[in-house]
Structures are given as C-alpha cells and as structure tokens.
Amino acid sequence: MAKTSQVARENKRKKLAEKYAEKRKALKAAGDYEGLMELPRNSNPIRLHNRCAVTGRARGFYRKFGISRLTFRKMALEGMIPGVKKASW
C-alpha cells in the first residue's frame, strides 16, 4: 500500500491538470510560452503518474485494467476480473 500522501499528491495533480487543460491548450496554440510558464507546474499532464486504483502502487501498472500487477494477480485468482483466467498448458 502506497503512502496516503503520495496518492493525495497524485489526485491533486490530476485535478490541476483537468482544471487548466483548456487554458493550457489555448496558450500552446497561440504560442504564448510566457503565459504557460505562469501556470502551476503540477497542472502539466506530463507530471501525472499512473497509480493502482486499489493500492496506490506506482510500479507494475497495467493500463488496460488500471491496477498494479500484484492487485491484478490477486483479483484474477479470486475471479473478480471478468474474462481473465490462469493459463495452463
């Protein structure tokens, strides 16, 4: 489980990125780089990091499912992810 502060920081960055998305797009189209520099640093979507929706883990993230590899394995074995089953040959 990730630190609560890390998850909160990531959520804050996500909100800021959504809030300034239109303004950032307009400034970029106009070529106003001074205006872009005045926006908050964390409003840039590049600064976002993928985190597991369940545990907040940052590494081993599967985009398709939105969870980490460890959580994915646990949920798959419990049958909580539709269409996923353990391979055997």
N, C-alpha and C. Protein backbone atom coordinates (compact mmCIF):
# COMPACT_ATOMS: atom_id res chain seq x y z
N MET A 1 0.84 -1.18 0.00
CA MET A 1 0.00 0.00 0.00
C MET A 1 0.88 1.24 0.00
N ALA A 2 0.61 2.15 -0.91
CA ALA A 2 1.39 3.37 -1.03
C ALA A 2 1.03 4.34 0.10
N LYS A 3 1.93 5.25 0.36
CA LYS A 3 1.66 6.26 1.38
C LYS A 3 0.45 7.09 0.96
N THR A 4 -0.36 7.44 1.91
CA THR A 4 -1.57 8.22 1.62
C THR A 4 -1.20 9.57 1.02
N SER A 5 -0.08 10.13 1.46
CA SER A 5 0.33 11.44 0.95
C SER A 5 0.68 11.37 -0.54
N GLN A 6 1.27 10.25 -0.97
CA GLN A 6 1.61 10.09 -2.39
C GLN A 6 0.36 10.03 -3.25
N VAL A 7 -0.64 9.28 -2.77
CA VAL A 7 -1.90 9.15 -3.50
C VAL A 7 -2.61 10.49 -3.55
N ALA A 8 -2.61 11.22 -2.43
CA ALA A 8 -3.26 12.53 -2.36
C ALA A 8 -2.58 13.51 -3.30
N ARG A 9 -1.25 13.47 -3.36
CA ARG A 9 -0.49 14.36 -4.24
C ARG A 9 -0.83 14.09 -5.70
N GLU A 10 -0.96 12.81 -6.03
CA GLU A 10 -1.29 12.43 -7.40
C GLU A 10 -2.70 12.89 -7.77
N ASN A 11 -3.64 12.76 -6.83
CA ASN A 11 -5.01 13.22 -7.07
C ASN A 11 -5.06 14.73 -7.26
N LYS A 12 -4.25 15.45 -6.50
CA LYS A 12 -4.18 16.90 -6.62
C LYS A 12 -3.65 17.29 -8.00
N ARG A 13 -2.62 16.59 -8.46
CA ARG A 13 -2.07 16.86 -9.79
C ARG A 13 -3.10 16.59 -10.88
N LYS A 14 -3.89 15.52 -10.70
CA LYS A 14 -4.90 15.16 -11.69
C LYS A 14 -5.97 16.26 -11.79
N LYS A 15 -6.40 16.78 -10.63
CA LYS A 15 -7.39 17.86 -10.61
C LYS A 15 -6.85 19.12 -11.28
N LEU A 16 -5.60 19.45 -10.98
CA LEU A 16 -4.99 20.64 -11.58
C LEU A 16 -4.86 20.50 -13.09
N ALA A 17 -4.49 19.32 -13.55
CA ALA A 17 -4.33 19.08 -14.98
C ALA A 17 -5.67 19.25 -15.69
N GLU A 18 -6.75 18.75 -15.07
CA GLU A 18 -8.08 18.89 -15.66
C GLU A 18 -8.54 20.34 -15.65
N LYS A 19 -8.23 21.05 -14.57
CA LYS A 19 -8.67 22.44 -14.41
C LYS A 19 -8.04 23.36 -15.47
N TYR A 20 -6.75 23.17 -15.73
CA TYR A 20 -6.03 24.06 -16.63
C TYR A 20 -5.87 23.51 -18.04
N ALA A 21 -6.53 22.41 -18.38
CA ALA A 21 -6.34 21.77 -19.69
C ALA A 21 -6.71 22.70 -20.83
N GLU A 22 -7.87 23.34 -20.75
CA GLU A 22 -8.33 24.22 -21.83
C GLU A 22 -7.42 25.45 -21.96
N LYS A 23 -7.09 26.05 -20.82
CA LYS A 23 -6.23 27.24 -20.83
C LYS A 23 -4.85 26.90 -21.41
N ARG A 24 -4.32 25.76 -21.00
CA ARG A 24 -3.01 25.31 -21.49
C ARG A 24 -3.05 25.08 -23.00
N LYS A 25 -4.15 24.48 -23.48
CA LYS A 25 -4.29 24.21 -24.91
C LYS A 25 -4.35 25.52 -25.71
N ALA A 26 -5.09 26.49 -25.19
CA ALA A 26 -5.21 27.79 -25.88
C ALA A 26 -3.87 28.52 -25.91
N LEU A 27 -3.16 28.52 -24.79
CA LEU A 27 -1.87 29.20 -24.73
C LEU A 27 -0.85 28.54 -25.65
N LYS A 28 -0.90 27.22 -25.72
CA LYS A 28 0.03 26.49 -26.58
C LYS A 28 -0.25 26.79 -28.05
N ALA A 29 -1.54 26.85 -28.41
CA ALA A 29 -1.92 27.14 -29.80
C ALA A 29 -1.50 28.55 -30.19
N ALA A 30 -1.57 29.48 -29.25
CA ALA A 30 -1.19 30.86 -29.52
C ALA A 30 0.33 31.05 -29.49
N GLY A 31 1.04 30.08 -28.95
CA GLY A 31 2.50 30.19 -28.87
C GLY A 31 2.95 31.08 -27.72
N ASP A 32 2.09 31.28 -26.74
CA ASP A 32 2.39 32.14 -25.59
C ASP A 32 3.09 31.32 -24.50
N TYR A 33 4.40 31.18 -24.62
CA TYR A 33 5.14 30.34 -23.69
C TYR A 33 5.37 31.04 -22.35
N GLU A 34 5.33 32.36 -22.32
CA GLU A 34 5.44 33.08 -21.06
C GLU A 34 4.18 32.82 -20.22
N GLY A 35 3.03 32.80 -20.89
CA GLY A 35 1.78 32.51 -20.20
C GLY A 35 1.75 31.08 -19.67
N LEU A 36 2.32 30.16 -20.44
CA LEU A 36 2.40 28.77 -19.99
C LEU A 36 3.27 28.63 -18.75
N MET A 37 4.33 29.43 -18.70
CA MET A 37 5.24 29.36 -17.56
C MET A 37 4.60 29.88 -16.28
N GLU A 38 3.57 30.72 -16.41
CA GLU A 38 2.90 31.27 -15.23
C GLU A 38 1.89 30.28 -14.63
N LEU A 39 1.50 29.26 -15.38
CA LEU A 39 0.58 28.25 -14.86
C LEU A 39 1.29 27.40 -13.81
N PRO A 40 0.53 26.80 -12.90
CA PRO A 40 1.18 25.94 -11.89
C PRO A 40 1.92 24.77 -12.54
N ARG A 41 3.03 24.41 -11.97
CA ARG A 41 3.86 23.35 -12.51
C ARG A 41 3.11 22.02 -12.57
N ASN A 42 2.34 21.75 -11.53
CA ASN A 42 1.63 20.47 -11.46
C ASN A 42 0.40 20.41 -12.35
N SER A 43 0.11 21.48 -13.08
CA SER A 43 -1.03 21.45 -14.00
C SER A 43 -0.65 20.81 -15.33
N ASN A 44 0.62 20.51 -15.51
CA ASN A 44 1.08 19.87 -16.73
C ASN A 44 0.78 18.37 -16.66
N PRO A 45 0.06 17.82 -17.66
CA PRO A 45 -0.29 16.40 -17.60
C PRO A 45 0.91 15.46 -17.66
N ILE A 46 2.06 15.95 -18.08
CA ILE A 46 3.28 15.14 -18.12
C ILE A 46 3.68 14.72 -16.70
N ARG A 47 3.33 15.52 -15.72
CA ARG A 47 3.74 15.23 -14.35
C ARG A 47 2.87 14.17 -13.68
N LEU A 48 1.80 13.75 -14.34
CA LEU A 48 0.94 12.70 -13.78
C LEU A 48 1.65 11.35 -13.86
N HIS A 49 1.38 10.52 -12.87
CA HIS A 49 1.98 9.19 -12.84
C HIS A 49 0.86 8.19 -12.63
N ASN A 50 0.90 7.08 -13.36
CA ASN A 50 -0.14 6.06 -13.21
C ASN A 50 0.01 5.37 -11.85
N ARG A 51 -1.12 5.23 -11.15
CA ARG A 51 -1.13 4.54 -9.88
C ARG A 51 -2.28 3.55 -9.82
N CYS A 52 -2.07 2.48 -9.10
CA CYS A 52 -3.10 1.46 -8.92
C CYS A 52 -4.31 2.07 -8.21
N ALA A 53 -5.50 1.77 -8.73
CA ALA A 53 -6.72 2.33 -8.15
C ALA A 53 -7.02 1.74 -6.78
N VAL A 54 -6.51 0.55 -6.50
CA VAL A 54 -6.80 -0.13 -5.24
C VAL A 54 -5.76 0.19 -4.18
N THR A 55 -4.48 0.00 -4.51
CA THR A 55 -3.42 0.14 -3.52
C THR A 55 -2.62 1.43 -3.63
N GLY A 56 -2.64 2.07 -4.77
CA GLY A 56 -1.86 3.28 -4.97
C GLY A 56 -0.44 3.00 -5.42
N ARG A 57 -0.11 1.76 -5.69
CA ARG A 57 1.23 1.39 -6.13
C ARG A 57 1.53 2.02 -7.49
N ALA A 58 2.75 2.56 -7.64
CA ALA A 58 3.12 3.26 -8.86
C ALA A 58 3.81 2.37 -9.89
N ARG A 59 4.45 1.31 -9.42
CA ARG A 59 5.17 0.44 -10.35
C ARG A 59 4.34 -0.77 -10.73
N GLY A 60 4.65 -1.34 -11.88
CA GLY A 60 3.95 -2.54 -12.32
C GLY A 60 2.49 -2.27 -12.62
N PHE A 61 2.21 -1.16 -13.29
CA PHE A 61 0.84 -0.72 -13.55
C PHE A 61 0.37 -1.23 -14.89
N TYR A 62 -0.83 -1.84 -14.94
CA TYR A 62 -1.45 -2.29 -16.20
C TYR A 62 -2.49 -1.27 -16.61
N ARG A 63 -2.23 -0.56 -17.71
CA ARG A 63 -3.15 0.49 -18.16
C ARG A 63 -4.54 -0.03 -18.48
N LYS A 64 -4.60 -1.19 -19.09
CA LYS A 64 -5.88 -1.74 -19.52
C LYS A 64 -6.83 -1.94 -18.35
N PHE A 65 -6.30 -2.29 -17.19
CA PHE A 65 -7.13 -2.58 -16.02
C PHE A 65 -7.08 -1.47 -14.97
N GLY A 66 -6.06 -0.63 -15.02
CA GLY A 66 -5.95 0.47 -14.06
C GLY A 66 -5.48 0.04 -12.68
N ILE A 67 -4.85 -1.14 -12.61
CA ILE A 67 -4.36 -1.64 -11.33
C ILE A 67 -2.94 -2.18 -11.49
N SER A 68 -2.28 -2.41 -10.36
CA SER A 68 -0.91 -2.92 -10.40
C SER A 68 -0.91 -4.42 -10.68
N ARG A 69 0.25 -4.95 -11.00
CA ARG A 69 0.38 -6.36 -11.34
C ARG A 69 0.03 -7.26 -10.16
N LEU A 70 0.37 -6.82 -8.96
CA LEU A 70 0.09 -7.62 -7.77
C LEU A 70 -1.41 -7.69 -7.49
N THR A 71 -2.06 -6.55 -7.58
CA THR A 71 -3.50 -6.49 -7.38
C THR A 71 -4.21 -7.26 -8.48
N PHE A 72 -3.70 -7.14 -9.72
CA PHE A 72 -4.28 -7.86 -10.84
C PHE A 72 -4.24 -9.36 -10.60
N ARG A 73 -3.11 -9.86 -10.17
CA ARG A 73 -2.95 -11.30 -9.94
C ARG A 73 -3.90 -11.78 -8.86
N LYS A 74 -3.97 -11.03 -7.77
CA LYS A 74 -4.85 -11.40 -6.67
C LYS A 74 -6.32 -11.42 -7.11
N MET A 75 -6.74 -10.37 -7.82
CA MET A 75 -8.13 -10.28 -8.26
C MET A 75 -8.46 -11.33 -9.32
N ALA A 76 -7.50 -11.63 -10.19
CA ALA A 76 -7.71 -12.64 -11.24
C ALA A 76 -7.88 -14.03 -10.63
N LEU A 77 -7.07 -14.35 -9.64
CA LEU A 77 -7.17 -15.65 -9.00
C LEU A 77 -8.47 -15.80 -8.21
N GLU A 78 -8.99 -14.68 -7.71
CA GLU A 78 -10.26 -14.71 -6.98
C GLU A 78 -11.45 -14.68 -7.93
N GLY A 79 -11.19 -14.49 -9.23
CA GLY A 79 -12.26 -14.45 -10.22
C GLY A 79 -13.00 -13.12 -10.26
N MET A 80 -12.36 -12.05 -9.82
CA MET A 80 -13.02 -10.75 -9.76
C MET A 80 -12.87 -9.94 -11.05
N ILE A 81 -12.03 -10.41 -11.97
CA ILE A 81 -11.85 -9.72 -13.25
C ILE A 81 -12.48 -10.59 -14.34
N PRO A 82 -13.56 -10.13 -14.96
CA PRO A 82 -14.24 -10.94 -15.96
C PRO A 82 -13.35 -11.23 -17.17
N GLY A 83 -13.40 -12.46 -17.65
CA GLY A 83 -12.68 -12.84 -18.84
C GLY A 83 -11.22 -13.18 -18.63
N VAL A 84 -10.75 -13.15 -17.40
CA VAL A 84 -9.35 -13.45 -17.12
C VAL A 84 -9.29 -14.74 -16.33
N LYS A 85 -8.47 -15.69 -16.82
CA LYS A 85 -8.25 -16.91 -16.06
C LYS A 85 -6.79 -17.32 -16.17
N LYS A 86 -6.37 -18.14 -15.24
CA LYS A 86 -4.98 -18.58 -15.20
C LYS A 86 -4.68 -19.48 -16.38
N ALA A 87 -3.55 -19.22 -17.03
CA ALA A 87 -3.16 -20.02 -18.17
C ALA A 87 -2.58 -21.36 -17.70
N SER A 88 -2.87 -22.42 -18.45
CA SER A 88 -2.24 -23.70 -18.16
C SER A 88 -2.08 -24.45 -19.46
N TRP A 89 -0.98 -25.14 -19.62
CA TRP A 89 -0.74 -25.92 -20.83
C TRP A 89 0.08 -27.13 -20.50
